Amino acid sequence: IRMILANAGYEVAEAANGEEAIEILQASEGPRPMDAI
């Protein structure tokens, strides 16, 4: 999935589980740290 999205021009963050996802979002900057999950 990362390769498909990155090749299409998206910046991709990865998480192997829900805990990692929450940590990534909490560490991201700005009011909208990601455009989609």
ModelCIF file with pLDDT and N, C-alpha, C, O atoms, coordinates in Angstrom:
data_MODEL
#
_entry.id   MODEL 
#
_entity.id                         1 
_entity.type                       polymer 
_entity.pdbx_number_of_molecules   1 
#
_entity_poly.entity_id                      1 
_entity_poly.type                           'polypeptide(L)' 
_entity_poly.nstd_linkage                   no 
_entity_poly.nstd_monomer                   no 
_entity_poly.pdbx_seq_one_letter_code       IRMILANAGYEVAEAANGEEAIEILQASEGPRPMDAI 
_entity_poly.pdbx_seq_one_letter_code_can   IRMILANAGYEVAEAANGEEAIEILQASEGPRPMDAI 
_entity_poly.pdbx_strand_id                 A 
#
loop_
_entity_poly_seq.entity_id 
_entity_poly_seq.num 
_entity_poly_seq.mon_id 
_entity_poly_seq.hetero 
1 1  ILE n 
1 2  ARG n 
1 3  MET n 
1 4  ILE n 
1 5  LEU n 
1 6  ALA n 
1 7  ASN n 
1 8  ALA n 
1 9  GLY n 
1 10 TYR n 
1 11 GLU n 
1 12 VAL n 
1 13 ALA n 
1 14 GLU n 
1 15 ALA n 
1 16 ALA n 
1 17 ASN n 
1 18 GLY n 
1 19 GLU n 
1 20 GLU n 
1 21 ALA n 
1 22 ILE n 
1 23 GLU n 
1 24 ILE n 
1 25 LEU n 
1 26 GLN n 
1 27 ALA n 
1 28 SER n 
1 29 GLU n 
1 30 GLY n 
1 31 PRO n 
1 32 ARG n 
1 33 PRO n 
1 34 MET n 
1 35 ASP n 
1 36 ALA n 
1 37 ILE n 
#
_struct_asym.id          A 
_struct_asym.entity_id   1 
#
loop_
_ma_qa_metric.id 
_ma_qa_metric.mode 
_ma_qa_metric.name 
_ma_qa_metric.software_group_id 
_ma_qa_metric.type 
1 global pLDDT . pLDDT 
2 local  pLDDT . pLDDT 
#
_ma_qa_metric_global.metric_id      1 
_ma_qa_metric_global.metric_value   89.03 
_ma_qa_metric_global.model_id       1 
_ma_qa_metric_global.ordinal_id     1 
#
loop_
_ma_qa_metric_local.label_asym_id 
_ma_qa_metric_local.label_comp_id 
_ma_qa_metric_local.label_seq_id 
_ma_qa_metric_local.metric_id 
_ma_qa_metric_local.metric_value 
_ma_qa_metric_local.model_id 
_ma_qa_metric_local.ordinal_id 
A ILE 1  2 97.00 1 1  
A ARG 2  2 96.00 1 2  
A MET 3  2 96.00 1 3  
A ILE 4  2 97.00 1 4  
A LEU 5  2 97.00 1 5  
A ALA 6  2 97.00 1 6  
A ASN 7  2 96.00 1 7  
A ALA 8  2 96.00 1 8  
A GLY 9  2 96.00 1 9  
A TYR 10 2 96.00 1 10 
A GLU 11 2 94.00 1 11 
A VAL 12 2 96.00 1 12 
A ALA 13 2 95.00 1 13 
A GLU 14 2 96.00 1 14 
A ALA 15 2 94.00 1 15 
A ALA 16 2 93.00 1 16 
A ASN 17 2 92.00 1 17 
A GLY 18 2 90.00 1 18 
A GLU 19 2 91.00 1 19 
A GLU 20 2 92.00 1 20 
A ALA 21 2 91.00 1 21 
A ILE 22 2 90.00 1 22 
A GLU 23 2 90.00 1 23 
A ILE 24 2 91.00 1 24 
A LEU 25 2 89.00 1 25 
A GLN 26 2 87.00 1 26 
A ALA 27 2 86.00 1 27 
A SER 28 2 77.00 1 28 
A GLU 29 2 67.00 1 29 
A GLY 30 2 62.00 1 30 
A PRO 31 2 56.00 1 31 
A ARG 32 2 59.00 1 32 
A PRO 33 2 79.00 1 33 
A MET 34 2 92.00 1 34 
A ASP 35 2 93.00 1 35 
A ALA 36 2 94.00 1 36 
A ILE 37 2 94.00 1 37 
#
loop_
_atom_site.group_PDB 
_atom_site.id 
_atom_site.type_symbol 
_atom_site.label_atom_id 
_atom_site.label_alt_id 
_atom_site.label_comp_id 
_atom_site.label_asym_id 
_atom_site.label_entity_id 
_atom_site.label_seq_id 
_atom_site.pdbx_PDB_ins_code 
_atom_site.Cartn_x 
_atom_site.Cartn_y 
_atom_site.Cartn_z 
_atom_site.occupancy 
_atom_site.B_iso_or_equiv 
_atom_site.pdbx_formal_charge 
_atom_site.auth_seq_id 
_atom_site.auth_comp_id 
_atom_site.auth_asym_id 
_atom_site.auth_atom_id 
_atom_site.pdbx_PDB_model_num 
ATOM 1   N N  . ILE A 1 1  ? 0.843  -1.208 0.000  1.00 97.00 ? 1  ILE A N  1 
ATOM 2   C CA . ILE A 1 1  ? 0.000  0.000  0.000  1.00 97.00 ? 1  ILE A CA 1 
ATOM 3   C C  . ILE A 1 1  ? 0.871  1.248  0.000  1.00 97.00 ? 1  ILE A C  1 
ATOM 4   O O  . ILE A 1 1  ? 0.594  2.203  -0.725 1.00 97.00 ? 1  ILE A O  1 
ATOM 5   N N  . ARG A 1 2  ? 1.917  1.240  0.809  1.00 96.00 ? 2  ARG A N  1 
ATOM 6   C CA . ARG A 1 2  ? 2.832  2.394  0.852  1.00 96.00 ? 2  ARG A CA 1 
ATOM 7   C C  . ARG A 1 2  ? 3.414  2.662  -0.531 1.00 96.00 ? 2  ARG A C  1 
ATOM 8   O O  . ARG A 1 2  ? 3.453  3.811  -0.971 1.00 96.00 ? 2  ARG A O  1 
ATOM 9   N N  . MET A 1 3  ? 3.863  1.626  -1.217 1.00 96.00 ? 3  MET A N  1 
ATOM 10  C CA . MET A 1 3  ? 4.467  1.803  -2.534 1.00 96.00 ? 3  MET A CA 1 
ATOM 11  C C  . MET A 1 3  ? 3.470  2.369  -3.543 1.00 96.00 ? 3  MET A C  1 
ATOM 12  O O  . MET A 1 3  ? 3.807  3.263  -4.320 1.00 96.00 ? 3  MET A O  1 
ATOM 13  N N  . ILE A 1 4  ? 2.250  1.852  -3.532 1.00 97.00 ? 4  ILE A N  1 
ATOM 14  C CA . ILE A 1 4  ? 1.226  2.352  -4.456 1.00 97.00 ? 4  ILE A CA 1 
ATOM 15  C C  . ILE A 1 4  ? 0.974  3.836  -4.201 1.00 97.00 ? 4  ILE A C  1 
ATOM 16  O O  . ILE A 1 4  ? 0.960  4.639  -5.134 1.00 97.00 ? 4  ILE A O  1 
ATOM 17  N N  . LEU A 1 5  ? 0.775  4.193  -2.941 1.00 97.00 ? 5  LEU A N  1 
ATOM 18  C CA . LEU A 1 5  ? 0.470  5.585  -2.602 1.00 97.00 ? 5  LEU A CA 1 
ATOM 19  C C  . LEU A 1 5  ? 1.658  6.507  -2.855 1.00 97.00 ? 5  LEU A C  1 
ATOM 20  O O  . LEU A 1 5  ? 1.491  7.601  -3.392 1.00 97.00 ? 5  LEU A O  1 
ATOM 21  N N  . ALA A 1 6  ? 2.853  6.071  -2.471 1.00 97.00 ? 6  ALA A N  1 
ATOM 22  C CA . ALA A 1 6  ? 4.055  6.899  -2.670 1.00 97.00 ? 6  ALA A CA 1 
ATOM 23  C C  . ALA A 1 6  ? 4.318  7.119  -4.160 1.00 97.00 ? 6  ALA A C  1 
ATOM 24  O O  . ALA A 1 6  ? 4.655  8.229  -4.571 1.00 97.00 ? 6  ALA A O  1 
ATOM 25  N N  . ASN A 1 7  ? 4.167  6.081  -4.964 1.00 96.00 ? 7  ASN A N  1 
ATOM 26  C CA . ASN A 1 7  ? 4.378  6.219  -6.410 1.00 96.00 ? 7  ASN A CA 1 
ATOM 27  C C  . ASN A 1 7  ? 3.356  7.156  -7.049 1.00 96.00 ? 7  ASN A C  1 
ATOM 28  O O  . ASN A 1 7  ? 3.629  7.768  -8.082 1.00 96.00 ? 7  ASN A O  1 
ATOM 29  N N  . ALA A 1 8  ? 2.187  7.265  -6.437 1.00 96.00 ? 8  ALA A N  1 
ATOM 30  C CA . ALA A 1 8  ? 1.147  8.159  -6.945 1.00 96.00 ? 8  ALA A CA 1 
ATOM 31  C C  . ALA A 1 8  ? 1.342  9.598  -6.481 1.00 96.00 ? 8  ALA A C  1 
ATOM 32  O O  . ALA A 1 8  ? 0.674  10.505 -6.978 1.00 96.00 ? 8  ALA A O  1 
ATOM 33  N N  . GLY A 1 9  ? 2.261  9.814  -5.523 1.00 96.00 ? 9  GLY A N  1 
ATOM 34  C CA . GLY A 1 9  ? 2.545  11.179 -5.082 1.00 96.00 ? 9  GLY A CA 1 
ATOM 35  C C  . GLY A 1 9  ? 2.111  11.521 -3.672 1.00 96.00 ? 9  GLY A C  1 
ATOM 36  O O  . GLY A 1 9  ? 2.126  12.691 -3.289 1.00 96.00 ? 9  GLY A O  1 
ATOM 37  N N  . TYR A 1 10 ? 1.723  10.516 -2.889 1.00 96.00 ? 10 TYR A N  1 
ATOM 38  C CA . TYR A 1 10 ? 1.325  10.759 -1.507 1.00 96.00 ? 10 TYR A CA 1 
ATOM 39  C C  . TYR A 1 10 ? 2.515  10.566 -0.573 1.00 96.00 ? 10 TYR A C  1 
ATOM 40  O O  . TYR A 1 10 ? 3.410  9.767  -0.851 1.00 96.00 ? 10 TYR A O  1 
ATOM 41  N N  . GLU A 1 11 ? 2.518  11.298 0.526  1.00 94.00 ? 11 GLU A N  1 
ATOM 42  C CA . GLU A 1 11 ? 3.458  11.064 1.618  1.00 94.00 ? 11 GLU A CA 1 
ATOM 43  C C  . GLU A 1 11 ? 2.784  10.047 2.529  1.00 94.00 ? 11 GLU A C  1 
ATOM 44  O O  . GLU A 1 11 ? 1.625  10.227 2.903  1.00 94.00 ? 11 GLU A O  1 
ATOM 45  N N  . VAL A 1 12 ? 3.498  8.973  2.892  1.00 96.00 ? 12 VAL A N  1 
ATOM 46  C CA . VAL A 1 12 ? 2.892  7.876  3.630  1.00 96.00 ? 12 VAL A CA 1 
ATOM 47  C C  . VAL A 1 12 ? 3.606  7.641  4.952  1.00 96.00 ? 12 VAL A C  1 
ATOM 48  O O  . VAL A 1 12 ? 4.832  7.535  5.003  1.00 96.00 ? 12 VAL A O  1 
ATOM 49  N N  . ALA A 1 13 ? 2.821  7.560  6.021  1.00 95.00 ? 13 ALA A N  1 
ATOM 50  C CA . ALA A 1 13 ? 3.328  7.140  7.329  1.00 95.00 ? 13 ALA A CA 1 
ATOM 51  C C  . ALA A 1 13 ? 2.745  5.758  7.577  1.00 95.00 ? 13 ALA A C  1 
ATOM 52  O O  . ALA A 1 13 ? 1.623  5.469  7.160  1.00 95.00 ? 13 ALA A O  1 
ATOM 53  N N  . GLU A 1 14 ? 3.503  4.906  8.255  1.00 96.00 ? 14 GLU A N  1 
ATOM 54  C CA . GLU A 1 14 ? 3.059  3.532  8.491  1.00 96.00 ? 14 GLU A CA 1 
ATOM 55  C C  . GLU A 1 14 ? 2.990  3.215  9.971  1.00 96.00 ? 14 GLU A C  1 
ATOM 56  O O  . GLU A 1 14 ? 3.814  3.676  10.761 1.00 96.00 ? 14 GLU A O  1 
ATOM 57  N N  . ALA A 1 15 ? 1.998  2.426  10.334 1.00 94.00 ? 15 ALA A N  1 
ATOM 58  C CA . ALA A 1 15 ? 1.862  1.914  11.701 1.00 94.00 ? 15 ALA A CA 1 
ATOM 59  C C  . ALA A 1 15 ? 1.479  0.442  11.611 1.00 94.00 ? 15 ALA A C  1 
ATOM 60  O O  . ALA A 1 15 ? 0.623  0.059  10.813 1.00 94.00 ? 15 ALA A O  1 
ATOM 61  N N  . ALA A 1 16 ? 2.128  -0.385 12.445 1.00 93.00 ? 16 ALA A N  1 
ATOM 62  C CA . ALA A 1 16 ? 1.862  -1.822 12.439 1.00 93.00 ? 16 ALA A CA 1 
ATOM 63  C C  . ALA A 1 16 ? 0.679  -2.199 13.317 1.00 93.00 ? 16 ALA A C  1 
ATOM 64  O O  . ALA A 1 16 ? 0.201  -3.332 13.269 1.00 93.00 ? 16 ALA A O  1 
ATOM 65  N N  . ASN A 1 17 ? 0.202  -1.237 14.127 1.00 92.00 ? 17 ASN A N  1 
ATOM 66  C CA . ASN A 1 17 ? -0.937 -1.519 14.999 1.00 92.00 ? 17 ASN A CA 1 
ATOM 67  C C  . ASN A 1 17 ? -1.572 -0.201 15.441 1.00 92.00 ? 17 ASN A C  1 
ATOM 68  O O  . ASN A 1 17 ? -1.072 0.880  15.130 1.00 92.00 ? 17 ASN A O  1 
ATOM 69  N N  . GLY A 1 18 ? -2.671 -0.311 16.162 1.00 90.00 ? 18 GLY A N  1 
ATOM 70  C CA . GLY A 1 18 ? -3.393 0.876  16.600 1.00 90.00 ? 18 GLY A CA 1 
ATOM 71  C C  . GLY A 1 18 ? -2.605 1.770  17.535 1.00 90.00 ? 18 GLY A C  1 
ATOM 72  O O  . GLY A 1 18 ? -2.705 2.994  17.458 1.00 90.00 ? 18 GLY A O  1 
ATOM 73  N N  . GLU A 1 19 ? -1.822 1.168  18.421 1.00 91.00 ? 19 GLU A N  1 
ATOM 74  C CA . GLU A 1 19 ? -1.023 1.970  19.348 1.00 91.00 ? 19 GLU A CA 1 
ATOM 75  C C  . GLU A 1 19 ? -0.024 2.841  18.595 1.00 91.00 ? 19 GLU A C  1 
ATOM 76  O O  . GLU A 1 19 ? 0.137  4.020  18.911 1.00 91.00 ? 19 GLU A O  1 
ATOM 77  N N  . GLU A 1 20 ? 0.654  2.257  17.590 1.00 92.00 ? 20 GLU A N  1 
ATOM 78  C CA . GLU A 1 20 ? 1.596  3.035  16.781 1.00 92.00 ? 20 GLU A CA 1 
ATOM 79  C C  . GLU A 1 20 ? 0.873  4.149  16.033 1.00 92.00 ? 20 GLU A C  1 
ATOM 80  O O  . GLU A 1 20 ? 1.399  5.257  15.924 1.00 92.00 ? 20 GLU A O  1 
ATOM 81  N N  . ALA A 1 21 ? -0.306 3.879  15.524 1.00 91.00 ? 21 ALA A N  1 
ATOM 82  C CA . ALA A 1 21 ? -1.076 4.884  14.794 1.00 91.00 ? 21 ALA A CA 1 
ATOM 83  C C  . ALA A 1 21 ? -1.395 6.079  15.689 1.00 91.00 ? 21 ALA A C  1 
ATOM 84  O O  . ALA A 1 21 ? -1.251 7.230  15.276 1.00 91.00 ? 21 ALA A O  1 
ATOM 85  N N  . ILE A 1 22 ? -1.822 5.803  16.894 1.00 90.00 ? 22 ILE A N  1 
ATOM 86  C CA . ILE A 1 22 ? -2.144 6.874  17.838 1.00 90.00 ? 22 ILE A CA 1 
ATOM 87  C C  . ILE A 1 22 ? -0.894 7.688  18.153 1.00 90.00 ? 22 ILE A C  1 
ATOM 88  O O  . ILE A 1 22 ? -0.954 8.917  18.197 1.00 90.00 ? 22 ILE A O  1 
ATOM 89  N N  . GLU A 1 23 ? 0.238  7.018  18.371 1.00 90.00 ? 23 GLU A N  1 
ATOM 90  C CA . GLU A 1 23 ? 1.498  7.722  18.650 1.00 90.00 ? 23 GLU A CA 1 
ATOM 91  C C  . GLU A 1 23 ? 1.896  8.614  17.480 1.00 90.00 ? 23 GLU A C  1 
ATOM 92  O O  . GLU A 1 23 ? 2.323  9.750  17.687 1.00 90.00 ? 23 GLU A O  1 
ATOM 93  N N  . ILE A 1 24 ? 1.763  8.115  16.258 1.00 91.00 ? 24 ILE A N  1 
ATOM 94  C CA . ILE A 1 24 ? 2.124  8.902  15.071 1.00 91.00 ? 24 ILE A CA 1 
ATOM 95  C C  . ILE A 1 24 ? 1.246  10.137 14.974 1.00 91.00 ? 24 ILE A C  1 
ATOM 96  O O  . ILE A 1 24 ? 1.747  11.233 14.720 1.00 91.00 ? 24 ILE A O  1 
ATOM 97  N N  . LEU A 1 25 ? -0.056 9.979  15.174 1.00 89.00 ? 25 LEU A N  1 
ATOM 98  C CA . LEU A 1 25 ? -0.955 11.133 15.094 1.00 89.00 ? 25 LEU A CA 1 
ATOM 99  C C  . LEU A 1 25 ? -0.678 12.138 16.201 1.00 89.00 ? 25 LEU A C  1 
ATOM 100 O O  . LEU A 1 25 ? -0.710 13.345 15.961 1.00 89.00 ? 25 LEU A O  1 
ATOM 101 N N  . GLN A 1 26 ? -0.412 11.665 17.390 1.00 87.00 ? 26 GLN A N  1 
ATOM 102 C CA . GLN A 1 26 ? -0.127 12.576 18.498 1.00 87.00 ? 26 GLN A CA 1 
ATOM 103 C C  . GLN A 1 26 ? 1.180  13.327 18.291 1.00 87.00 ? 26 GLN A C  1 
ATOM 104 O O  . GLN A 1 26 ? 1.325  14.457 18.758 1.00 87.00 ? 26 GLN A O  1 
ATOM 105 N N  . ALA A 1 27 ? 2.134  12.711 17.596 1.00 86.00 ? 27 ALA A N  1 
ATOM 106 C CA . ALA A 1 27 ? 3.432  13.343 17.353 1.00 86.00 ? 27 ALA A CA 1 
ATOM 107 C C  . ALA A 1 27 ? 3.423  14.253 16.129 1.00 86.00 ? 27 ALA A C  1 
ATOM 108 O O  . ALA A 1 27 ? 4.328  15.071 15.964 1.00 86.00 ? 27 ALA A O  1 
ATOM 109 N N  . SER A 1 28 ? 2.416  14.123 15.269 1.00 77.00 ? 28 SER A N  1 
ATOM 110 C CA . SER A 1 28 ? 2.345  14.943 14.054 1.00 77.00 ? 28 SER A CA 1 
ATOM 111 C C  . SER A 1 28 ? 2.014  16.377 14.411 1.00 77.00 ? 28 SER A C  1 
ATOM 112 O O  . SER A 1 28 ? 1.364  16.657 15.419 1.00 77.00 ? 28 SER A O  1 
ATOM 113 N N  . GLU A 1 29 ? 2.474  17.271 13.563 1.00 67.00 ? 29 GLU A N  1 
ATOM 114 C CA . GLU A 1 29 ? 2.253  18.696 13.818 1.00 67.00 ? 29 GLU A CA 1 
ATOM 115 C C  . GLU A 1 29 ? 0.991  19.196 13.137 1.00 67.00 ? 29 GLU A C  1 
ATOM 116 O O  . GLU A 1 29 ? 0.519  18.610 12.163 1.00 67.00 ? 29 GLU A O  1 
ATOM 117 N N  . GLY A 1 30 ? 0.450  20.289 13.665 1.00 62.00 ? 30 GLY A N  1 
ATOM 118 C CA . GLY A 1 30 ? -0.671 20.958 13.041 1.00 62.00 ? 30 GLY A CA 1 
ATOM 119 C C  . GLY A 1 30 ? -2.015 20.406 13.455 1.00 62.00 ? 30 GLY A C  1 
ATOM 120 O O  . GLY A 1 30 ? -2.101 19.344 14.072 1.00 62.00 ? 30 GLY A O  1 
ATOM 121 N N  . PRO A 1 31 ? -3.082 21.145 13.107 1.00 56.00 ? 31 PRO A N  1 
ATOM 122 C CA . PRO A 1 31 ? -4.432 20.728 13.483 1.00 56.00 ? 31 PRO A CA 1 
ATOM 123 C C  . PRO A 1 31 ? -4.928 19.531 12.669 1.00 56.00 ? 31 PRO A C  1 
ATOM 124 O O  . PRO A 1 31 ? -5.853 18.838 13.092 1.00 56.00 ? 31 PRO A O  1 
ATOM 125 N N  . ARG A 1 32 ? -4.331 19.286 11.523 1.00 59.00 ? 32 ARG A N  1 
ATOM 126 C CA . ARG A 1 32 ? -4.718 18.144 10.680 1.00 59.00 ? 32 ARG A CA 1 
ATOM 127 C C  . ARG A 1 32 ? -3.435 17.420 10.262 1.00 59.00 ? 32 ARG A C  1 
ATOM 128 O O  . ARG A 1 32 ? -2.910 17.648 9.172  1.00 59.00 ? 32 ARG A O  1 
ATOM 129 N N  . PRO A 1 33 ? -2.936 16.542 11.147 1.00 79.00 ? 33 PRO A N  1 
ATOM 130 C CA . PRO A 1 33 ? -1.634 15.917 10.908 1.00 79.00 ? 33 PRO A CA 1 
ATOM 131 C C  . PRO A 1 33 ? -1.604 14.972 9.711  1.00 79.00 ? 33 PRO A C  1 
ATOM 132 O O  . PRO A 1 33 ? -0.529 14.719 9.166  1.00 79.00 ? 33 PRO A O  1 
ATOM 133 N N  . MET A 1 34 ? -2.730 14.452 9.294  1.00 92.00 ? 34 MET A N  1 
ATOM 134 C CA . MET A 1 34 ? -2.831 13.565 8.134  1.00 92.00 ? 34 MET A CA 1 
ATOM 135 C C  . MET A 1 34 ? -4.039 14.002 7.312  1.00 92.00 ? 34 MET A C  1 
ATOM 136 O O  . MET A 1 34 ? -4.980 14.600 7.832  1.00 92.00 ? 34 MET A O  1 
ATOM 137 N N  . ASP A 1 35 ? -3.993 13.693 6.027  1.00 93.00 ? 35 ASP A N  1 
ATOM 138 C CA . ASP A 1 35 ? -5.124 14.010 5.159  1.00 93.00 ? 35 ASP A CA 1 
ATOM 139 C C  . ASP A 1 35 ? -6.095 12.844 5.062  1.00 93.00 ? 35 ASP A C  1 
ATOM 140 O O  . ASP A 1 35 ? -7.260 13.028 4.712  1.00 93.00 ? 35 ASP A O  1 
ATOM 141 N N  . ALA A 1 36 ? -5.611 11.630 5.374  1.00 94.00 ? 36 ALA A N  1 
ATOM 142 C CA . ALA A 1 36 ? -6.469 10.444 5.361  1.00 94.00 ? 36 ALA A CA 1 
ATOM 143 C C  . ALA A 1 36 ? -5.805 9.351  6.181  1.00 94.00 ? 36 ALA A C  1 
ATOM 144 O O  . ALA A 1 36 ? -4.585 9.323  6.342  1.00 94.00 ? 36 ALA A O  1 
ATOM 145 N N  . ILE A 1 37 ? -6.639 8.445  6.699  1.00 94.00 ? 37 ILE A N  1 
ATOM 146 C CA . ILE A 1 37 ? -6.158 7.278  7.438  1.00 94.00 ? 37 ILE A CA 1 
ATOM 147 C C  . ILE A 1 37 ? -6.765 6.046  6.788  1.00 94.00 ? 37 ILE A C  1 
ATOM 148 O O  . ILE A 1 37 ? -6.511 4.926  7.231  1.00 94.00 ? 37 ILE A O  1 
#
